[in-house]
C-alpha atoms as a PDB file:
ATOM      1  CA  UNK A   1      -0.059   0.245  -0.107  1.00  0.00           C
ATOM      2  CA  UNK A   2       2.551   2.317   1.216  1.00  0.00           C
ATOM      3  CA  UNK A   3       4.719   1.383  -2.192  1.00  0.00           C
ATOM      4  CA  UNK A   4       2.013   2.789  -4.252  1.00  0.00           C
ATOM      5  CA  UNK A   5       1.349   6.161  -2.361  1.00  0.00           C
ATOM      6  CA  UNK A   6       5.304   6.277  -3.051  1.00  0.00           C
ATOM      7  CA  UNK A   7       5.241   5.562  -6.404  1.00  0.00           C
ATOM      8  CA  UNK A   8       2.438   8.017  -7.609  1.00  0.00           C
ATOM      9  CA  UNK A   9       3.751  10.697  -5.455  1.00  0.00           C
ATOM     10  CA  UNK A  10       7.326   9.966  -7.635  1.00  0.00           C
ATOM     11  CA  UNK A  11       5.017  10.066 -10.596  1.00  0.00           C
ATOM     12  CA  UNK A  12       3.283  13.481  -9.841  1.00  0.00           C
ATOM     13  CA  UNK A  13       6.370  14.862  -8.683  1.00  0.00           C
ATOM     14  CA  UNK A  14       8.646  13.897 -11.307  1.00  0.00           C
ATOM     15  CA  UNK A  15       5.545  14.746 -13.866  1.00  0.00           C
ATOM     16  CA  UNK A  16       4.718  18.216 -12.898  1.00  0.00           C
ATOM     17  CA  UNK A  17       8.495  19.381 -13.651  1.00  0.00           C
ATOM     18  CA  UNK A  18       8.967  17.456 -16.940  1.00  0.00           C
ATOM     19  CA  UNK A  19       5.863  19.470 -17.982  1.00  0.00           C
ATOM     20  CA  UNK A  20       7.270  22.531 -17.192  1.00  0.00           C
ATOM     21  CA  UNK A  21      10.056  20.520 -19.459  1.00  0.00           C
ATOM     22  CA  UNK A  22      12.190  23.947 -18.161  1.00  0.00           C
ATOM     23  CA  UNK A  23      15.910  24.171 -15.868  1.00  0.00           C
ATOM     24  CA  UNK A  24      16.519  26.042 -13.876  1.00  0.00           C
ATOM     25  CA  UNK A  25      18.028  29.892 -13.929  1.00  0.00           C
ATOM     26  CA  UNK A  26      21.439  28.849 -12.950  1.00  0.00           C
ATOM     27  CA  UNK A  27      21.947  25.910 -14.329  1.00  0.00           C
ATOM     28  CA  UNK A  28      24.590  25.981 -17.353  1.00  0.00           C
ATOM     29  CA  UNK A  29      23.115  24.883 -20.710  1.00  0.00           C
ATOM     30  CA  UNK A  30      24.952  24.484 -23.917  1.00  0.00           C
ATOM     31  CA  UNK A  31      26.082  27.388 -25.380  1.00  0.00           C
ATOM     32  CA  UNK A  32      23.592  27.996 -28.602  1.00  0.00           C
ATOM     33  CA  UNK A  33      21.012  30.486 -27.999  1.00  0.00           C
ATOM     34  CA  UNK A  34      17.499  31.381 -28.921  1.00  0.00           C
ATOM     35  CA  UNK A  35      16.695  34.805 -29.707  1.00  0.00           C
ATOM     36  CA  UNK A  36      20.374  35.628 -30.256  1.00  0.00           C
ATOM     37  CA  UNK A  37      19.192  38.659 -32.064  1.00  0.00           C
ATOM     38  CA  UNK A  38      16.592  39.415 -29.062  1.00  0.00           C
ATOM     39  CA  UNK A  39      19.374  39.064 -26.565  1.00  0.00           C
ATOM     40  CA  UNK A  40      20.831  42.734 -25.097  1.00  0.00           C
ATOM     41  CA  UNK A  41      24.100  43.763 -23.661  1.00  0.00           C
ATOM     42  CA  UNK A  42      24.423  46.549 -21.065  1.00  0.00           C
ATOM     43  CA  UNK A  43      25.838  47.793 -18.426  1.00  0.00           C
ATOM     44  CA  UNK A  44      24.403  48.498 -15.053  1.00  0.00           C
ATOM     45  CA  UNK A  45      20.891  47.359 -14.311  1.00  0.00           C
ATOM     46  CA  UNK A  46      18.577  45.331 -16.716  1.00  0.00           C
ATOM     47  CA  UNK A  47      15.937  47.309 -14.828  1.00  0.00           C
ATOM     48  CA  UNK A  48      17.948  51.107 -15.837  1.00  0.00           C
ATOM     49  CA  UNK A  49      18.033  50.120 -19.274  1.00  0.00           C
ATOM     50  CA  UNK A  50      14.958  48.507 -19.419  1.00  0.00           C
ATOM     51  CA  UNK A  51      13.454  52.791 -18.340  1.00  0.00           C
ATOM     52  CA  UNK A  52      16.395  54.180 -20.425  1.00  0.00           C
ATOM     53  CA  UNK A  53      14.028  52.353 -23.905  1.00  0.00           C
ATOM     54  CA  UNK A  54      11.136  54.768 -23.387  1.00  0.00           C
ATOM     55  CA  UNK A  55       8.448  52.686 -24.587  1.00  0.00           C
ATOM     56  CA  UNK A  56       6.638  49.307 -23.211  1.00  0.00           C
ATOM     57  CA  UNK A  57       8.838  46.556 -23.025  1.00  0.00           C
ATOM     58  CA  UNK A  58       8.846  42.893 -22.933  1.00  0.00           C
ATOM     59  CA  UNK A  59      11.265  40.490 -21.832  1.00  0.00           C
ATOM     60  CA  UNK A  60      11.327  36.961 -21.265  1.00  0.00           C
ATOM     61  CA  UNK A  61      13.388  35.455 -19.432  1.00  0.00           C
ATOM     62  CA  UNK A  62      14.982  31.896 -20.961  1.00  0.00           C
ATOM     63  CA  UNK A  63      17.137  29.328 -22.006  1.00  0.00           C
ATOM     64  CA  UNK A  64      17.525  26.691 -24.735  1.00  0.00           C
ATOM     65  CA  UNK A  65      17.013  23.764 -22.795  1.00  0.00           C
ATOM     66  CA  UNK A  66      13.331  24.671 -22.098  1.00  0.00           C
ATOM     67  CA  UNK A  67      10.481  23.041 -24.544  1.00  0.00           C
ATOM     68  CA  UNK A  68       8.105  26.247 -23.506  1.00  0.00           C
ATOM     69  CA  UNK A  69      11.256  28.452 -24.347  1.00  0.00           C
ATOM     70  CA  UNK A  70      11.762  26.888 -27.913  1.00  0.00           C
ATOM     71  CA  UNK A  71       8.016  27.499 -28.622  1.00  0.00           C
ATOM     72  CA  UNK A  72       8.415  30.755 -27.804  1.00  0.00           C
ATOM     73  CA  UNK A  73      10.953  32.056 -30.110  1.00  0.00           C
ATOM     74  CA  UNK A  74       9.169  32.385 -32.874  1.00  0.00           C
ATOM     75  CA  UNK A  75       6.674  34.750 -31.331  1.00  0.00           C
ATOM     76  CA  UNK A  76       9.339  36.934 -30.124  1.00  0.00           C
ATOM     77  CA  UNK A  77      11.132  37.750 -33.314  1.00  0.00           C
ATOM     78  CA  UNK A  78       8.118  38.008 -34.808  1.00  0.00           C
ATOM     79  CA  UNK A  79       6.199  40.618 -32.195  1.00  0.00           C
ATOM     80  CA  UNK A  80      10.813  42.020 -32.809  1.00  0.00           C
ATOM     81  CA  UNK A  81       9.760  42.428 -36.167  1.00  0.00           C
ATOM     82  CA  UNK A  82       6.182  43.235 -36.336  1.00  0.00           C
ATOM     83  CA  UNK A  83       5.664  45.421 -33.063  1.00  0.00           C
ATOM     84  CA  UNK A  84       9.283  47.811 -32.578  1.00  0.00           C
ATOM     85  CA  UNK A  85       7.550  50.683 -33.104  1.00  0.00           C
ATOM     86  CA  UNK A  86       4.946  50.093 -30.198  1.00  0.00           C
ATOM     87  CA  UNK A  87       7.037  47.995 -27.598  1.00  0.00           C
ATOM     88  CA  UNK A  88      10.969  46.536 -27.591  1.00  0.00           C
ATOM     89  CA  UNK A  89      11.148  42.551 -27.341  1.00  0.00           C
ATOM     90  CA  UNK A  90      13.996  41.468 -25.463  1.00  0.00           C
ATOM     91  CA  UNK A  91      15.066  37.769 -25.013  1.00  0.00           C
ATOM     92  CA  UNK A  92      16.876  37.488 -21.560  1.00  0.00           C
ATOM     93  CA  UNK A  93      19.315  34.006 -21.455  1.00  0.00           C
ATOM     94  CA  UNK A  94      19.341  32.645 -17.958  1.00  0.00           C
ATOM     95  CA  UNK A  95      22.701  30.871 -18.377  1.00  0.00           C
ATOM     96  CA  UNK A  96      24.723  33.463 -19.362  1.00  0.00           C
ATOM     97  CA  UNK A  97      22.672  36.842 -17.599  1.00  0.00           C
ATOM     98  CA  UNK A  98      22.588  35.883 -14.174  1.00  0.00           C
ATOM     99  CA  UNK A  99      22.610  38.861 -13.480  1.00  0.00           C
ATOM    100  CA  UNK A 100      19.719  40.241 -14.727  1.00  0.00           C
ATOM    101  CA  UNK A 101      17.815  36.997 -13.936  1.00  0.00           C
ATOM    102  CA  UNK A 102      18.869  37.464  -9.891  1.00  0.00           C
ATOM    103  CA  UNK A 103      17.847  41.179 -10.377  1.00  0.00           C
ATOM    104  CA  UNK A 104      14.060  40.203 -11.027  1.00  0.00           C
ATOM    105  CA  UNK A 105      13.767  37.336  -9.125  1.00  0.00           C
ATOM    106  CA  UNK A 106      13.255  34.778 -12.013  1.00  0.00           C
ATOM    107  CA  UNK A 107      12.679  30.928 -10.429  1.00  0.00           C
ATOM    108  CA  UNK A 108      10.746  29.467 -13.009  1.00  0.00           C
ATOM    109  CA  UNK A 109      11.129  29.532 -16.849  1.00  0.00           C
ATOM    110  CA  UNK A 110       9.743  31.349 -19.186  1.00  0.00           C
ATOM    111  CA  UNK A 111       9.283  33.754 -17.720  1.00  0.00           C
ATOM    112  CA  UNK A 112       7.650  36.991 -19.791  1.00  0.00           C
ATOM    113  CA  UNK A 113       7.715  40.860 -17.947  1.00  0.00           C
ATOM    114  CA  UNK A 114       5.855  43.534 -19.362  1.00  0.00           C
ATOM    115  CA  UNK A 115       7.020  47.178 -18.850  1.00  0.00           C
ATOM    116  CA  UNK A 116       5.476  50.280 -19.117  1.00  0.00           C
ATOM    117  CA  UNK A 117       7.406  53.215 -21.055  1.00  0.00           C
ATOM    118  CA  UNK A 118       8.395  54.149 -17.786  1.00  0.00           C
ATOM    119  CA  UNK A 119      10.090  50.972 -16.918  1.00  0.00           C
ATOM    120  CA  UNK A 120       7.598  49.927 -14.063  1.00  0.00           C
ATOM    121  CA  UNK A 121       6.741  46.605 -13.943  1.00  0.00           C
ATOM    122  CA  UNK A 122       3.111  45.907 -15.129  1.00  0.00           C
ATOM    123  CA  UNK A 123       2.078  42.292 -15.322  1.00  0.00           C
ATOM    124  CA  UNK A 124       4.691  38.834 -14.988  1.00  0.00           C
ATOM    125  CA  UNK A 125       4.072  36.068 -16.630  1.00  0.00           C
ATOM    126  CA  UNK A 126       5.255  31.980 -16.129  1.00  0.00           C
ATOM    127  CA  UNK A 127       5.051  29.665 -19.269  1.00  0.00           C
ATOM    128  CA  UNK A 128       4.223  29.827 -22.761  1.00  0.00           C
ATOM    129  CA  UNK A 129       2.433  32.672 -23.661  1.00  0.00           C
ATOM    130  CA  UNK A 130       1.068  33.446 -26.909  1.00  0.00           C
ATOM    131  CA  UNK A 131       1.149  36.407 -29.682  1.00  0.00           C
ATOM    132  CA  UNK A 132      -2.506  37.207 -29.139  1.00  0.00           C
ATOM    133  CA  UNK A 133      -1.955  37.231 -24.985  1.00  0.00           C
ATOM    134  CA  UNK A 134       0.419  39.245 -25.370  1.00  0.00           C
ATOM    135  CA  UNK A 135      -0.646  42.060 -27.647  1.00  0.00           C
ATOM    136  CA  UNK A 136      -4.406  41.604 -25.384  1.00  0.00           C
ATOM    137  CA  UNK A 137      -1.773  42.446 -22.001  1.00  0.00           C
ATOM    138  CA  UNK A 138      -0.380  45.285 -23.387  1.00  0.00           C
ATOM    139  CA  UNK A 139      -4.084  46.475 -24.836  1.00  0.00           C
ATOM    140  CA  UNK A 140      -5.288  45.891 -21.056  1.00  0.00           C
ATOM    141  CA  UNK A 141      -2.895  48.030 -19.581  1.00  0.00           C
ATOM    142  CA  UNK A 142      -3.191  50.550 -22.089  1.00  0.00           C
ATOM    143  CA  UNK A 143      -0.311  50.432 -24.179  1.00  0.00           C
ATOM    144  CA  UNK A 144      -2.005  50.504 -27.582  1.00  0.00           C
ATOM    145  CA  UNK A 145       0.121  48.222 -30.228  1.00  0.00           C
ATOM    146  CA  UNK A 146      -2.820  47.210 -32.593  1.00  0.00           C
END
């Protein structure tokens, strides 16, 4: 009886983390990166960099070893290409930018954070987020993207 309970607990625990498909933010991952053209290089704090942009921002914290992160890649590229006049799209590889990851307290990936033009955080989302949901989130905070 107890053996079945332990087995069930193990399956539920393992299944939950397998479903997320994500690694810990500070885990060393392969050097190939997603969204290389969306990665940024900054000095100082990431928060200061965001404020310096002077427009709304979405940051996606992710990695190469995360299935939902890989699913986000084409969406982020499309947003960057088609909505750059409305908001900035940034990808932070948690394996490379541990400073920015710690600055925002990222514990699970992918995590998307939305900011207004003043650099104030508006909303956080954990997990896969569709293009439509991203655009609707900006709209729900009064940021016109259409």
